[in-house]
Amino acid sequence: MKSDTKVLHEITPLGDRDFMYVADRYKSEFNYPIHCHDMMNMMELHAWEQNGRPATDIHEITIQFRLDFDRENSAFLTNPFDSIYKMLVRARKGLAFPMSSIMRVYRQLTNLSSIKEGFVAVLELLDILYELSKGEATELSSSAFAQVPVTSDSRRVLKVKNYIDAHYMEPLRLTQLCDIAGMTPSAFSRFFKLRTGKTLNDYIIDVRLGYATRMLVDTTSTIAEISYSCGFNTLSNFNRQFKKGKGCSPSEFRKKYRKTKIII
């Protein structure tokens, strides 16, 4: 993974008393961003299907769920849940399942969003997890993944990126970002392009478009509301930048997603 890869802190739709969120989408491209969650003991199961389908017709299923298996008296530490518990511990590094395991739960995954009774849906999820836990899975990262040393130069870029990520909805001026990095505008512009491969302006636009695409899919906000909430100063500029970055208008992008979702 490149050091400048954008990792979003995703805000889950799960409320305090919700257990599970299921999103069943048909979409024209696989562009689910690399992301992380701030919630403890929340897992995410992400699957998609393209086999036998054109590249512009992808079926994507996302399941976010809470399982508190770290407490000393957690039911997931008992014998019946042993294989699920071990799988969930490994899942903190990310797991990729083989096709044989996926096919065992394929029908259950595709039907999960249609189950209206919450208790039944939770039982179905547990059965899916149990079936997956019986097969082999490959860990996607090592335990040393987070131990990569950060140079002082990398820290400068990271501080600026973190600021942009927290304030993308506001006007961002070169002078304020230079102050964060402790550099002159001309030196900082060259430095940022060298470290990220993008100009500062292009990077800011990419961040704003990333948030805008998620809002187009996951909210009912109008395109104008999304435009201004993501930091674009005019609707026409948003439409122009979106078409340039995504190859279609925001309204066309939204129409490409057909989604069913439930929260239990």
Foldseek 3Di string as FASTA:
>chain_A
DAPQFDEAADDDPDDPPFFKKKKKKWFQAPDDGHYDYPDPQKDKDKDKDCVVHPNGTMIIMMMIGGQPPPDPPGPCVDDVNPLLVVVVVLCVQPKDADPVLCVVCVVLRVCLLVDDDPVVSVVSVSVNSVSRSVGDIDGDDDPCPVVPDADLLNVLLVQLVVVLLVQQLEDDDLVVSCVSSVHDSVVVQVSNCVRNVDGPVVVSLVSLVVQLLCCLAPHPDDLQVSCNRRHHPDSVVVQVSCCVVPVHGSVVNSVRMDMRMDID
